[in-house]
Amino acid sequence: MNINLDKMREEILQEIKKRGYESLRYSVLENEKYKGEWENHIDFENGKFYVYSTMGRASVAGKYDFESSLDAKNKFFELLDLTVKINRRSIERNKLPEYSSPLWDK
């Protein structure tokens, strides 16, 4: 499997910008040791892609692994879309969002 991770990272970041998701918390192919709260991650390690979200206190909520870069990207954007929907719904119900973002702040 020959994957250009720099190119993939750039493609993902361009799509994030295209969707207006720059204010979301995410990590794209950085394999960081420190995981922040309420972030969506896509990492590559040992020949597999891992897509997951962190919650409060940076605990991991569900970790998906993929061999296909396309499947991993699709899942990553599914999680970003879900983040926007969940937080917009929280605002509509007069509840606190996970964090502040112009995508859902009033």
N, C-alpha and C. Protein backbone atom coordinates (compact mmCIF):
# COMPACT_ATOMS: atom_id res chain seq x y z
N MET A 1 0.85 -1.17 0.00
CA MET A 1 0.00 0.00 0.00
C MET A 1 0.90 1.24 0.00
N ASN A 2 0.82 2.02 -1.06
CA ASN A 2 1.63 3.22 -1.19
C ASN A 2 0.71 4.44 -1.09
N ILE A 3 0.76 5.12 0.06
CA ILE A 3 -0.15 6.23 0.31
C ILE A 3 0.66 7.49 0.55
N ASN A 4 0.29 8.54 -0.14
CA ASN A 4 0.93 9.84 0.07
C ASN A 4 0.13 10.57 1.15
N LEU A 5 0.58 10.46 2.39
CA LEU A 5 -0.16 11.04 3.51
C LEU A 5 -0.20 12.56 3.47
N ASP A 6 0.87 13.18 2.98
CA ASP A 6 0.87 14.64 2.88
C ASP A 6 -0.20 15.12 1.90
N LYS A 7 -0.32 14.43 0.77
CA LYS A 7 -1.34 14.79 -0.21
C LYS A 7 -2.74 14.55 0.36
N MET A 8 -2.92 13.42 1.03
CA MET A 8 -4.22 13.12 1.64
C MET A 8 -4.58 14.17 2.68
N ARG A 9 -3.62 14.55 3.51
CA ARG A 9 -3.86 15.56 4.54
C ARG A 9 -4.29 16.87 3.90
N GLU A 10 -3.60 17.27 2.83
CA GLU A 10 -3.93 18.51 2.14
C GLU A 10 -5.34 18.46 1.54
N GLU A 11 -5.71 17.32 0.96
CA GLU A 11 -7.06 17.15 0.40
C GLU A 11 -8.13 17.27 1.48
N ILE A 12 -7.88 16.66 2.63
CA ILE A 12 -8.84 16.72 3.74
C ILE A 12 -8.97 18.16 4.24
N LEU A 13 -7.84 18.84 4.41
CA LEU A 13 -7.88 20.22 4.89
C LEU A 13 -8.59 21.15 3.90
N GLN A 14 -8.42 20.89 2.61
CA GLN A 14 -9.13 21.68 1.59
C GLN A 14 -10.64 21.44 1.69
N GLU A 15 -11.04 20.20 1.90
CA GLU A 15 -12.47 19.89 2.03
C GLU A 15 -13.05 20.50 3.30
N ILE A 16 -12.29 20.51 4.38
CA ILE A 16 -12.73 21.16 5.62
C ILE A 16 -12.99 22.64 5.35
N LYS A 17 -12.08 23.27 4.64
CA LYS A 17 -12.24 24.70 4.31
C LYS A 17 -13.45 24.90 3.40
N LYS A 18 -13.60 24.05 2.41
CA LYS A 18 -14.74 24.14 1.47
C LYS A 18 -16.07 24.05 2.21
N ARG A 19 -16.14 23.20 3.22
CA ARG A 19 -17.38 23.04 4.00
C ARG A 19 -17.55 24.11 5.07
N GLY A 20 -16.53 24.95 5.27
CA GLY A 20 -16.62 25.98 6.31
C GLY A 20 -16.44 25.43 7.71
N TYR A 21 -15.70 24.34 7.83
CA TYR A 21 -15.53 23.65 9.11
C TYR A 21 -14.23 24.02 9.84
N GLU A 22 -13.60 25.11 9.46
CA GLU A 22 -12.31 25.46 10.07
C GLU A 22 -12.40 25.68 11.58
N SER A 23 -13.57 26.08 12.08
CA SER A 23 -13.72 26.35 13.52
C SER A 23 -13.92 25.08 14.35
N LEU A 24 -14.10 23.93 13.69
CA LEU A 24 -14.26 22.68 14.43
C LEU A 24 -12.91 22.23 14.97
N ARG A 25 -12.96 21.38 15.96
CA ARG A 25 -11.74 20.81 16.54
C ARG A 25 -11.46 19.48 15.86
N TYR A 26 -10.29 19.38 15.26
CA TYR A 26 -9.94 18.17 14.53
C TYR A 26 -8.42 18.01 14.46
N SER A 27 -8.01 16.81 14.14
CA SER A 27 -6.61 16.49 13.92
C SER A 27 -6.55 15.61 12.69
N VAL A 28 -5.77 16.03 11.70
CA VAL A 28 -5.70 15.32 10.43
C VAL A 28 -4.30 14.74 10.22
N LEU A 29 -4.21 13.43 10.38
CA LEU A 29 -2.97 12.69 10.13
C LEU A 29 -1.77 13.26 10.87
N GLU A 30 -1.99 13.62 12.12
CA GLU A 30 -0.90 14.17 12.92
C GLU A 30 -0.43 13.20 13.99
N ASN A 31 -1.21 12.16 14.28
CA ASN A 31 -0.86 11.14 15.26
C ASN A 31 -0.31 11.75 16.55
N GLU A 32 -1.02 12.74 17.05
CA GLU A 32 -0.59 13.44 18.26
C GLU A 32 -0.72 12.56 19.49
N LYS A 33 0.20 12.73 20.41
CA LYS A 33 0.09 12.01 21.68
C LYS A 33 -0.97 12.67 22.55
N TYR A 34 -1.04 14.00 22.52
CA TYR A 34 -2.05 14.72 23.30
C TYR A 34 -3.33 14.82 22.49
N LYS A 35 -4.41 14.39 23.06
CA LYS A 35 -5.72 14.49 22.43
C LYS A 35 -6.54 15.50 23.21
N GLY A 36 -7.06 16.51 22.54
CA GLY A 36 -7.89 17.51 23.20
C GLY A 36 -9.33 17.04 23.33
N GLU A 37 -10.08 17.78 24.09
CA GLU A 37 -11.50 17.46 24.26
C GLU A 37 -12.29 17.82 23.00
N TRP A 38 -13.29 17.00 22.71
CA TRP A 38 -14.25 17.24 21.64
C TRP A 38 -13.57 17.45 20.28
N GLU A 39 -12.63 16.57 19.97
CA GLU A 39 -11.94 16.63 18.67
C GLU A 39 -12.31 15.40 17.85
N ASN A 40 -12.27 15.58 16.53
CA ASN A 40 -12.40 14.46 15.60
C ASN A 40 -11.02 14.21 15.00
N HIS A 41 -10.62 12.95 14.94
CA HIS A 41 -9.28 12.58 14.49
C HIS A 41 -9.33 11.61 13.33
N ILE A 42 -8.35 11.76 12.44
CA ILE A 42 -8.05 10.74 11.45
C ILE A 42 -6.53 10.57 11.52
N ASP A 43 -6.11 9.35 11.84
CA ASP A 43 -4.69 9.04 12.00
C ASP A 43 -4.33 7.85 11.12
N PHE A 44 -3.04 7.70 10.88
CA PHE A 44 -2.53 6.55 10.13
C PHE A 44 -1.40 5.94 10.95
N GLU A 45 -1.56 4.64 11.25
CA GLU A 45 -0.56 3.97 12.07
C GLU A 45 -0.54 2.49 11.72
N ASN A 46 0.63 1.95 11.57
CA ASN A 46 0.81 0.51 11.29
C ASN A 46 -0.01 0.04 10.09
N GLY A 47 -0.05 0.86 9.05
CA GLY A 47 -0.72 0.46 7.81
C GLY A 47 -2.23 0.60 7.81
N LYS A 48 -2.80 1.21 8.85
CA LYS A 48 -4.26 1.39 8.92
C LYS A 48 -4.60 2.83 9.27
N PHE A 49 -5.78 3.23 8.83
CA PHE A 49 -6.33 4.53 9.21
C PHE A 49 -7.24 4.34 10.41
N TYR A 50 -7.19 5.28 11.33
CA TYR A 50 -8.05 5.26 12.51
C TYR A 50 -8.82 6.57 12.56
N VAL A 51 -10.13 6.45 12.73
CA VAL A 51 -11.00 7.62 12.80
C VAL A 51 -11.78 7.51 14.11
N TYR A 52 -11.76 8.60 14.87
CA TYR A 52 -12.44 8.59 16.17
C TYR A 52 -12.66 10.01 16.65
N SER A 53 -13.48 10.11 17.68
CA SER A 53 -13.76 11.39 18.33
C SER A 53 -13.33 11.29 19.78
N THR A 54 -12.97 12.43 20.34
CA THR A 54 -12.73 12.48 21.77
C THR A 54 -13.89 13.24 22.41
N MET A 55 -14.10 12.95 23.69
CA MET A 55 -15.19 13.60 24.42
C MET A 55 -14.56 14.43 25.53
N GLY A 56 -15.33 14.72 26.56
CA GLY A 56 -14.81 15.43 27.71
C GLY A 56 -13.63 14.69 28.30
N ARG A 57 -12.66 15.43 28.80
CA ARG A 57 -11.42 14.87 29.35
C ARG A 57 -10.67 14.04 28.32
N ALA A 58 -10.95 14.30 27.05
CA ALA A 58 -10.26 13.68 25.92
C ALA A 58 -10.38 12.17 25.87
N SER A 59 -11.43 11.62 26.48
CA SER A 59 -11.65 10.18 26.38
C SER A 59 -12.11 9.85 24.96
N VAL A 60 -11.71 8.71 24.45
CA VAL A 60 -12.02 8.32 23.07
C VAL A 60 -13.40 7.67 23.01
N ALA A 61 -14.19 8.13 22.03
CA ALA A 61 -15.54 7.59 21.83
C ALA A 61 -15.57 6.84 20.50
N GLY A 62 -15.52 5.54 20.54
CA GLY A 62 -15.59 4.75 19.32
C GLY A 62 -14.39 4.99 18.42
N LYS A 63 -13.70 3.94 18.07
CA LYS A 63 -12.54 4.06 17.19
C LYS A 63 -12.74 3.11 16.02
N TYR A 64 -12.76 3.67 14.84
CA TYR A 64 -12.98 2.89 13.62
C TYR A 64 -11.65 2.72 12.90
N ASP A 65 -11.38 1.53 12.39
CA ASP A 65 -10.15 1.35 11.61
C ASP A 65 -10.50 0.96 10.18
N PHE A 66 -9.68 1.45 9.27
CA PHE A 66 -9.91 1.26 7.84
C PHE A 66 -8.60 0.98 7.13
N GLU A 67 -8.67 0.16 6.12
CA GLU A 67 -7.52 -0.02 5.23
C GLU A 67 -7.61 0.94 4.06
N SER A 68 -8.82 1.35 3.73
CA SER A 68 -9.06 2.25 2.60
C SER A 68 -9.02 3.71 3.05
N SER A 69 -8.22 4.52 2.37
CA SER A 69 -8.16 5.95 2.69
C SER A 69 -9.50 6.63 2.40
N LEU A 70 -10.19 6.19 1.36
CA LEU A 70 -11.49 6.79 1.02
C LEU A 70 -12.52 6.50 2.10
N ASP A 71 -12.57 5.27 2.57
CA ASP A 71 -13.50 4.93 3.65
C ASP A 71 -13.20 5.73 4.91
N ALA A 72 -11.92 5.90 5.22
CA ALA A 72 -11.51 6.66 6.40
C ALA A 72 -11.93 8.13 6.26
N LYS A 73 -11.68 8.71 5.09
CA LYS A 73 -12.08 10.11 4.87
C LYS A 73 -13.59 10.28 4.99
N ASN A 74 -14.33 9.35 4.41
CA ASN A 74 -15.80 9.43 4.49
C ASN A 74 -16.28 9.38 5.94
N LYS A 75 -15.71 8.50 6.73
CA LYS A 75 -16.10 8.39 8.14
C LYS A 75 -15.71 9.66 8.90
N PHE A 76 -14.54 10.21 8.63
CA PHE A 76 -14.08 11.42 9.27
C PHE A 76 -15.06 12.58 9.01
N PHE A 77 -15.47 12.74 7.76
CA PHE A 77 -16.41 13.82 7.45
C PHE A 77 -17.81 13.53 7.99
N GLU A 78 -18.16 12.27 8.09
CA GLU A 78 -19.43 11.91 8.73
C GLU A 78 -19.41 12.38 10.19
N LEU A 79 -18.29 12.18 10.88
CA LEU A 79 -18.17 12.62 12.27
C LEU A 79 -18.18 14.15 12.38
N LEU A 80 -17.53 14.84 11.45
CA LEU A 80 -17.56 16.31 11.47
C LEU A 80 -18.99 16.82 11.25
N ASP A 81 -19.69 16.24 10.28
CA ASP A 81 -21.08 16.63 10.03
C ASP A 81 -21.94 16.39 11.27
N LEU A 82 -21.74 15.26 11.91
CA LEU A 82 -22.49 14.92 13.11
C LEU A 82 -22.19 15.90 14.25
N THR A 83 -20.96 16.33 14.37
CA THR A 83 -20.59 17.32 15.38
C THR A 83 -21.40 18.60 15.20
N VAL A 84 -21.51 19.06 13.97
CA VAL A 84 -22.28 20.27 13.69
C VAL A 84 -23.75 20.05 14.03
N LYS A 85 -24.33 18.93 13.60
CA LYS A 85 -25.75 18.66 13.87
C LYS A 85 -26.04 18.56 15.36
N ILE A 86 -25.21 17.84 16.08
CA ILE A 86 -25.43 17.66 17.52
C ILE A 86 -25.38 19.00 18.25
N ASN A 87 -24.41 19.81 17.93
CA ASN A 87 -24.27 21.09 18.63
C ASN A 87 -25.33 22.10 18.23
N ARG A 88 -25.77 22.07 16.99
CA ARG A 88 -26.89 22.93 16.60
C ARG A 88 -28.16 22.52 17.34
N ARG A 89 -28.37 21.22 17.47
CA ARG A 89 -29.53 20.73 18.19
C ARG A 89 -29.45 21.13 19.67
N SER A 90 -28.28 21.06 20.26
CA SER A 90 -28.10 21.49 21.65
C SER A 90 -28.50 22.94 21.82
N ILE A 91 -28.06 23.80 20.92
CA ILE A 91 -28.40 25.23 20.98
C ILE A 91 -29.91 25.41 20.84
N GLU A 92 -30.52 24.71 19.88
CA GLU A 92 -31.98 24.81 19.68
C GLU A 92 -32.74 24.42 20.93
N ARG A 93 -32.21 23.49 21.71
CA ARG A 93 -32.87 23.00 22.92
C ARG A 93 -32.40 23.75 24.18
N ASN A 94 -31.74 24.89 23.96
CA ASN A 94 -31.23 25.71 25.06
C ASN A 94 -30.28 24.95 25.98
N LYS A 95 -29.49 24.07 25.40
CA LYS A 95 -28.47 23.34 26.14
C LYS A 95 -27.09 23.83 25.70
N LEU A 96 -26.11 23.54 26.51
CA LEU A 96 -24.75 23.96 26.19
C LEU A 96 -24.16 23.08 25.08
N PRO A 97 -23.49 23.69 24.12
CA PRO A 97 -22.79 22.90 23.10
C PRO A 97 -21.49 22.34 23.69
N GLU A 98 -20.83 21.48 22.93
CA GLU A 98 -19.56 20.92 23.37
C GLU A 98 -18.50 22.02 23.53
N TYR A 99 -18.51 22.97 22.61
CA TYR A 99 -17.62 24.13 22.64
C TYR A 99 -18.20 25.19 21.72
N SER A 100 -17.63 26.36 21.74
CA SER A 100 -18.15 27.47 20.93
C SER A 100 -17.64 27.38 19.49
N SER A 101 -18.55 27.65 18.55
CA SER A 101 -18.21 27.69 17.13
C SER A 101 -19.22 28.55 16.41
N PRO A 102 -18.79 29.34 15.43
CA PRO A 102 -19.75 30.13 14.64
C PRO A 102 -20.72 29.25 13.85
N LEU A 103 -20.44 27.97 13.74
CA LEU A 103 -21.34 27.07 13.03
C LEU A 103 -22.63 26.80 13.79
N TRP A 104 -22.64 27.08 15.09
CA TRP A 104 -23.87 26.87 15.86
C TRP A 104 -24.13 27.95 16.91
N ASP A 105 -23.18 28.79 17.20
CA ASP A 105 -23.44 29.87 18.19
C ASP A 105 -24.50 30.83 17.65
N LYS A 106 -25.31 31.34 18.60
CA LYS A 106 -26.37 32.29 18.21
C LYS A 106 -25.79 33.66 17.98
